Amino acid sequence: CVSFHVKPGLDEPEFPGTGDVADTGVDEGDGFTVNVPLEPGVDDISFVPMFRSIVNKAKSVYAPDAVVLQCGGALLAGERDGQFNLTCRGYGDCVRLVRDFSLPLLLLGGVGSNMANMGRLWAYLTTVTLGLEASVPNIIPDEAEYREYFGPTYETVLPRVELPKNTTSFKAIPNLRRKVMNTLDRLKTKP
């Protein structure tokens, strides 16, 4: 299990005392979990390369027969807490990487508070999973049910929003990546 999530302490109700990079599971599950706790402000530029290197390493360590990828919307720009800056395209880059492993893939949704943005995210991730993102128009058709929820731009991919400042230092991402890679080096292989 590899989990990218809000750093413990920033969102205590969702992650009460768990999810630190040093946490690798308990009891029979010890050694099978990798936590990647994220600071506020993470964006596509800082997240996607880190995701790519960690997930590729996890794939080589675990040698999975299939992948379950749960993509909650908490890191999406425009979410209620406004702490993160990922775009639909950034999420799509991550899904594309896992899709291209050519392993059976189960894609699951997750947390998200903005109904229109979650609809956009999931529509886009579905097209990425199917390899059809280039063939889907970016404007929701006039006759689409619930179109009014996506105004004023009616775009299928999240429109440009004023992003909060990325407060994650340029040193924090490489340091976190290094810690996670060290954890992966110590983990058990496929159960």
C-alpha atoms as a PDB file:
ATOM      1  CA  CYS A   1       0.000   0.000   0.000  1.00  0.00           C
ATOM      2  CA  VAL A   2       1.308   3.432  -0.955  1.00  0.00           C
ATOM      3  CA  SER A   3      -0.659   6.371   0.455  1.00  0.00           C
ATOM      4  CA  PHE A   4      -0.223  10.014  -0.611  1.00  0.00           C
ATOM      5  CA  HIS A   5      -2.194  12.157   1.850  1.00  0.00           C
ATOM      6  CA  VAL A   6      -2.400  15.242   4.037  1.00  0.00           C
ATOM      7  CA  LYS A   7       0.485  15.396   6.509  1.00  0.00           C
ATOM      8  CA  PRO A   8      -0.611  14.191   9.965  1.00  0.00           C
ATOM      9  CA  GLY A   9      -1.467  17.102  12.215  1.00  0.00           C
ATOM     10  CA  LEU A  10      -2.807  19.260   9.379  1.00  0.00           C
ATOM     11  CA  ASP A  11      -6.107  17.442   9.135  1.00  0.00           C
ATOM     12  CA  GLU A  12      -6.375  15.462  12.366  1.00  0.00           C
ATOM     13  CA  PRO A  13     -10.015  14.322  12.002  1.00  0.00           C
ATOM     14  CA  GLU A  14      -9.122  12.400   8.819  1.00  0.00           C
ATOM     15  CA  PHE A  15      -5.735  11.047   9.911  1.00  0.00           C
ATOM     16  CA  PRO A  16      -5.703  10.773  13.706  1.00  0.00           C
ATOM     17  CA  GLY A  17      -2.085  10.000  14.556  1.00  0.00           C
ATOM     18  CA  THR A  18      -1.354   7.874  11.487  1.00  0.00           C
ATOM     19  CA  GLY A  19       0.215   8.373   8.109  1.00  0.00           C
ATOM     20  CA  ASP A  20       3.716   9.504   9.037  1.00  0.00           C
ATOM     21  CA  VAL A  21       6.491   8.477   6.664  1.00  0.00           C
ATOM     22  CA  ALA A  22       7.897   6.229   9.429  1.00  0.00           C
ATOM     23  CA  ASP A  23       4.613   4.278   9.748  1.00  0.00           C
ATOM     24  CA  THR A  24       4.868   1.066   7.700  1.00  0.00           C
ATOM     25  CA  GLY A  25       1.937  -0.946   9.047  1.00  0.00           C
ATOM     26  CA  VAL A  26       1.130  -2.942  12.184  1.00  0.00           C
ATOM     27  CA  ASP A  27       1.090  -6.599  13.176  1.00  0.00           C
ATOM     28  CA  GLU A  28       0.935  -8.877  10.109  1.00  0.00           C
ATOM     29  CA  GLY A  29       0.781  -5.784   7.897  1.00  0.00           C
ATOM     30  CA  ASP A  30       4.034  -4.330   9.210  1.00  0.00           C
ATOM     31  CA  GLY A  31       6.378  -3.619   6.352  1.00  0.00           C
ATOM     32  CA  PHE A  32       3.720  -3.426   3.664  1.00  0.00           C
ATOM     33  CA  THR A  33       2.694   0.245   3.889  1.00  0.00           C
ATOM     34  CA  VAL A  34       4.381   3.364   2.525  1.00  0.00           C
ATOM     35  CA  ASN A  35       3.088   6.750   3.667  1.00  0.00           C
ATOM     36  CA  VAL A  36       3.771   9.947   1.765  1.00  0.00           C
ATOM     37  CA  PRO A  37       2.508  12.826   3.968  1.00  0.00           C
ATOM     38  CA  LEU A  38       2.142  16.035   1.961  1.00  0.00           C
ATOM     39  CA  GLU A  39       2.551  19.643   3.074  1.00  0.00           C
ATOM     40  CA  PRO A  40       0.081  22.326   1.925  1.00  0.00           C
ATOM     41  CA  GLY A  41       0.538  23.834  -1.504  1.00  0.00           C
ATOM     42  CA  VAL A  42       1.754  20.755  -3.365  1.00  0.00           C
ATOM     43  CA  ASP A  43       1.090  21.250  -7.075  1.00  0.00           C
ATOM     44  CA  ASP A  44       1.471  19.271 -10.311  1.00  0.00           C
ATOM     45  CA  ILE A  45       5.081  20.388 -10.783  1.00  0.00           C
ATOM     46  CA  SER A  46       6.165  19.133  -7.362  1.00  0.00           C
ATOM     47  CA  PHE A  47       3.793  16.163  -6.992  1.00  0.00           C
ATOM     48  CA  VAL A  48       3.761  14.318 -10.322  1.00  0.00           C
ATOM     49  CA  PRO A  49       7.538  13.619 -10.554  1.00  0.00           C
ATOM     50  CA  MET A  50       7.563  12.500  -6.902  1.00  0.00           C
ATOM     51  CA  PHE A  51       4.538  10.252  -7.506  1.00  0.00           C
ATOM     52  CA  ARG A  52       6.211   8.793 -10.597  1.00  0.00           C
ATOM     53  CA  SER A  53       9.480   7.893  -8.841  1.00  0.00           C
ATOM     54  CA  ILE A  54       7.818   6.507  -5.693  1.00  0.00           C
ATOM     55  CA  VAL A  55       5.182   4.465  -7.514  1.00  0.00           C
ATOM     56  CA  ASN A  56       7.713   3.041  -9.981  1.00  0.00           C
ATOM     57  CA  LYS A  57       9.929   2.000  -7.061  1.00  0.00           C
ATOM     58  CA  ALA A  58       6.931   0.516  -5.208  1.00  0.00           C
ATOM     59  CA  LYS A  59       6.032  -1.454  -8.324  1.00  0.00           C
ATOM     60  CA  SER A  60       9.510  -2.977  -8.433  1.00  0.00           C
ATOM     61  CA  VAL A  61       9.471  -3.762  -4.689  1.00  0.00           C
ATOM     62  CA  TYR A  62       5.961  -5.205  -4.494  1.00  0.00           C
ATOM     63  CA  ALA A  63       5.760  -6.738  -8.010  1.00  0.00           C
ATOM     64  CA  PRO A  64       1.941  -6.533  -7.969  1.00  0.00           C
ATOM     65  CA  ASP A  65      -0.368  -8.725 -10.032  1.00  0.00           C
ATOM     66  CA  ALA A  66      -2.969  -5.932 -10.051  1.00  0.00           C
ATOM     67  CA  VAL A  67      -3.322  -2.354  -8.818  1.00  0.00           C
ATOM     68  CA  VAL A  68      -6.090  -0.649  -6.860  1.00  0.00           C
ATOM     69  CA  LEU A  69      -5.728   3.118  -7.299  1.00  0.00           C
ATOM     70  CA  GLN A  70      -7.917   5.235  -5.037  1.00  0.00           C
ATOM     71  CA  CYS A  71      -7.977   8.856  -6.210  1.00  0.00           C
ATOM     72  CA  GLY A  72      -9.611  11.074  -3.632  1.00  0.00           C
ATOM     73  CA  GLY A  73     -10.075  14.695  -4.552  1.00  0.00           C
ATOM     74  CA  ALA A  74      -8.615  16.243  -1.393  1.00  0.00           C
ATOM     75  CA  LEU A  75      -5.449  17.366  -3.212  1.00  0.00           C
ATOM     76  CA  LEU A  76      -7.405  19.022  -6.038  1.00  0.00           C
ATOM     77  CA  ALA A  77      -7.171  22.799  -6.363  1.00  0.00           C
ATOM     78  CA  GLY A  78     -10.463  24.410  -5.407  1.00  0.00           C
ATOM     79  CA  GLU A  79     -11.363  21.927  -2.685  1.00  0.00           C
ATOM     80  CA  ARG A  80     -12.914  23.252   0.520  1.00  0.00           C
ATOM     81  CA  ASP A  81      -9.746  23.483   2.583  1.00  0.00           C
ATOM     82  CA  GLY A  82      -7.846  25.140  -0.268  1.00  0.00           C
ATOM     83  CA  GLN A  83      -4.512  23.707   0.861  1.00  0.00           C
ATOM     84  CA  PHE A  84      -3.493  21.845  -2.290  1.00  0.00           C
ATOM     85  CA  ASN A  85      -2.991  22.695  -5.932  1.00  0.00           C
ATOM     86  CA  LEU A  86      -3.230  19.566  -8.055  1.00  0.00           C
ATOM     87  CA  THR A  87      -5.160  19.897 -11.295  1.00  0.00           C
ATOM     88  CA  CYS A  88      -7.224  17.296 -13.130  1.00  0.00           C
ATOM     89  CA  ARG A  89      -4.323  16.988 -15.562  1.00  0.00           C
ATOM     90  CA  GLY A  90      -1.874  16.315 -12.710  1.00  0.00           C
ATOM     91  CA  TYR A  91      -4.144  13.572 -11.390  1.00  0.00           C
ATOM     92  CA  GLY A  92      -4.415  12.300 -14.972  1.00  0.00           C
ATOM     93  CA  ASP A  93      -0.633  12.079 -15.312  1.00  0.00           C
ATOM     94  CA  CYS A  94      -0.557   9.859 -12.217  1.00  0.00           C
ATOM     95  CA  VAL A  95      -3.398   7.630 -13.452  1.00  0.00           C
ATOM     96  CA  ARG A  96      -1.740   7.367 -16.880  1.00  0.00           C
ATOM     97  CA  LEU A  97       1.487   6.143 -15.274  1.00  0.00           C
ATOM     98  CA  VAL A  98      -0.323   3.371 -13.402  1.00  0.00           C
ATOM     99  CA  ARG A  99      -2.504   2.530 -16.416  1.00  0.00           C
ATOM    100  CA  ASP A 100       0.635   2.073 -18.491  1.00  0.00           C
ATOM    101  CA  PHE A 101       1.876  -0.654 -16.117  1.00  0.00           C
ATOM    102  CA  SER A 102      -0.492  -2.841 -18.170  1.00  0.00           C
ATOM    103  CA  LEU A 103      -1.687  -4.601 -15.024  1.00  0.00           C
ATOM    104  CA  PRO A 104      -5.330  -5.117 -14.075  1.00  0.00           C
ATOM    105  CA  LEU A 105      -6.408  -1.762 -12.601  1.00  0.00           C
ATOM    106  CA  LEU A 106      -9.309  -0.943 -10.303  1.00  0.00           C
ATOM    107  CA  LEU A 107      -9.799   2.825 -10.081  1.00  0.00           C
ATOM    108  CA  LEU A 108     -11.745   4.111  -7.055  1.00  0.00           C
ATOM    109  CA  GLY A 109     -13.004   7.536  -6.025  1.00  0.00           C
ATOM    110  CA  GLY A 110     -12.630   9.175  -2.669  1.00  0.00           C
ATOM    111  CA  VAL A 111     -12.990  12.346  -0.639  1.00  0.00           C
ATOM    112  CA  GLY A 112     -14.063  15.509  -2.395  1.00  0.00           C
ATOM    113  CA  SER A 113     -16.324  18.327  -1.283  1.00  0.00           C
ATOM    114  CA  ASN A 114     -17.000  20.222  -4.513  1.00  0.00           C
ATOM    115  CA  MET A 115     -19.533  18.250  -6.542  1.00  0.00           C
ATOM    116  CA  ALA A 116     -18.762  19.950  -9.870  1.00  0.00           C
ATOM    117  CA  ASN A 117     -14.993  19.554  -9.457  1.00  0.00           C
ATOM    118  CA  MET A 118     -15.334  15.892  -8.471  1.00  0.00           C
ATOM    119  CA  GLY A 119     -17.509  15.351 -11.547  1.00  0.00           C
ATOM    120  CA  ARG A 120     -14.862  16.982 -13.710  1.00  0.00           C
ATOM    121  CA  LEU A 121     -12.068  15.000 -12.073  1.00  0.00           C
ATOM    122  CA  TRP A 122     -13.817  11.661 -12.440  1.00  0.00           C
ATOM    123  CA  ALA A 123     -14.931  12.300 -16.008  1.00  0.00           C
ATOM    124  CA  TYR A 124     -11.354  13.213 -16.913  1.00  0.00           C
ATOM    125  CA  LEU A 125      -9.781  10.266 -15.049  1.00  0.00           C
ATOM    126  CA  THR A 126     -12.208   7.913 -16.787  1.00  0.00           C
ATOM    127  CA  THR A 127     -11.109   9.218 -20.183  1.00  0.00           C
ATOM    128  CA  VAL A 128      -7.437   8.883 -19.163  1.00  0.00           C
ATOM    129  CA  THR A 129      -7.981   5.317 -17.958  1.00  0.00           C
ATOM    130  CA  LEU A 130      -9.585   4.463 -21.299  1.00  0.00           C
ATOM    131  CA  GLY A 131      -6.938   6.373 -23.285  1.00  0.00           C
ATOM    132  CA  LEU A 132      -9.584   8.712 -24.718  1.00  0.00           C
ATOM    133  CA  GLU A 133      -8.711  12.065 -23.140  1.00  0.00           C
ATOM    134  CA  ALA A 134      -7.723  13.629 -26.481  1.00  0.00           C
ATOM    135  CA  SER A 135     -11.087  12.744 -28.040  1.00  0.00           C
ATOM    136  CA  VAL A 136     -13.353  14.325 -25.419  1.00  0.00           C
ATOM    137  CA  PRO A 137     -14.317  17.978 -25.950  1.00  0.00           C
ATOM    138  CA  ASN A 138     -13.492  20.364 -23.112  1.00  0.00           C
ATOM    139  CA  ILE A 139     -16.912  22.052 -23.128  1.00  0.00           C
ATOM    140  CA  ILE A 140     -19.965  20.376 -21.616  1.00  0.00           C
ATOM    141  CA  PRO A 141     -22.723  20.235 -24.281  1.00  0.00           C
ATOM    142  CA  ASP A 142     -25.737  22.542 -23.880  1.00  0.00           C
ATOM    143  CA  GLU A 143     -28.116  19.588 -23.657  1.00  0.00           C
ATOM    144  CA  ALA A 144     -26.175  17.830 -20.846  1.00  0.00           C
ATOM    145  CA  GLU A 145     -28.154  17.124 -17.694  1.00  0.00           C
ATOM    146  CA  TYR A 146     -26.877  19.128 -14.699  1.00  0.00           C
ATOM    147  CA  ARG A 147     -24.862  21.445 -16.975  1.00  0.00           C
ATOM    148  CA  GLU A 148     -25.724  24.381 -14.711  1.00  0.00           C
ATOM    149  CA  TYR A 149     -23.441  22.998 -11.983  1.00  0.00           C
ATOM    150  CA  PHE A 150     -20.391  23.540 -14.180  1.00  0.00           C
ATOM    151  CA  GLY A 151     -20.850  27.220 -15.013  1.00  0.00           C
ATOM    152  CA  PRO A 152     -19.784  29.780 -15.759  1.00  0.00           C
ATOM    153  CA  THR A 153     -17.145  28.142 -18.010  1.00  0.00           C
ATOM    154  CA  TYR A 154     -18.840  24.743 -18.564  1.00  0.00           C
ATOM    155  CA  GLU A 155     -15.449  23.137 -19.030  1.00  0.00           C
ATOM    156  CA  THR A 156     -14.973  19.403 -18.494  1.00  0.00           C
ATOM    157  CA  VAL A 157     -11.467  19.838 -17.120  1.00  0.00           C
ATOM    158  CA  LEU A 158     -11.241  22.052 -14.056  1.00  0.00           C
ATOM    159  CA  PRO A 159     -10.849  25.620 -15.278  1.00  0.00           C
ATOM    160  CA  ARG A 160      -7.930  27.725 -14.149  1.00  0.00           C
ATOM    161  CA  VAL A 161      -8.464  28.813 -10.579  1.00  0.00           C
ATOM    162  CA  GLU A 162      -6.506  31.145  -8.374  1.00  0.00           C
ATOM    163  CA  LEU A 163      -4.196  28.659  -6.703  1.00  0.00           C
ATOM    164  CA  PRO A 164      -2.951  29.142  -3.172  1.00  0.00           C
ATOM    165  CA  LYS A 165       0.768  29.659  -2.884  1.00  0.00           C
ATOM    166  CA  ASN A 166       2.822  26.473  -2.882  1.00  0.00           C
ATOM    167  CA  THR A 167       4.266  26.684   0.617  1.00  0.00           C
ATOM    168  CA  THR A 168       6.142  23.410   0.288  1.00  0.00           C
ATOM    169  CA  SER A 169       9.814  24.300   0.140  1.00  0.00           C
ATOM    170  CA  PHE A 170      11.839  23.062  -2.795  1.00  0.00           C
ATOM    171  CA  LYS A 171      13.942  21.111  -0.284  1.00  0.00           C
ATOM    172  CA  ALA A 172      10.930  19.440   1.348  1.00  0.00           C
ATOM    173  CA  ILE A 173       9.905  17.382  -1.710  1.00  0.00           C
ATOM    174  CA  PRO A 174      13.353  15.806  -2.352  1.00  0.00           C
ATOM    175  CA  ASN A 175      13.734  15.143   1.387  1.00  0.00           C
ATOM    176  CA  LEU A 176      10.332  13.460   1.555  1.00  0.00           C
ATOM    177  CA  ARG A 177      11.067  11.489  -1.614  1.00  0.00           C
ATOM    178  CA  ARG A 178      14.395  10.300  -0.157  1.00  0.00           C
ATOM    179  CA  LYS A 179      12.738   9.186   3.099  1.00  0.00           C
ATOM    180  CA  VAL A 180      10.052   7.286   1.209  1.00  0.00           C
ATOM    181  CA  MET A 181      12.606   5.633  -1.093  1.00  0.00           C
ATOM    182  CA  ASN A 182      14.596   4.553   1.990  1.00  0.00           C
ATOM    183  CA  THR A 183      11.400   3.098   3.461  1.00  0.00           C
ATOM    184  CA  LEU A 184      10.771   1.204   0.217  1.00  0.00           C
ATOM    185  CA  ASP A 185      14.309  -0.215   0.365  1.00  0.00           C
ATOM    186  CA  ARG A 186      13.532  -1.682   3.814  1.00  0.00           C
ATOM    187  CA  LEU A 187      10.091  -3.076   3.039  1.00  0.00           C
ATOM    188  CA  LYS A 188       9.135  -6.664   2.573  1.00  0.00           C
ATOM    189  CA  THR A 189       8.506  -7.895  -0.920  1.00  0.00           C
ATOM    190  CA  LYS A 190       5.255  -9.228  -2.252  1.00  0.00           C
ATOM    191  CA  PRO A 191       3.285 -11.005   0.525  1.00  0.00           C
END
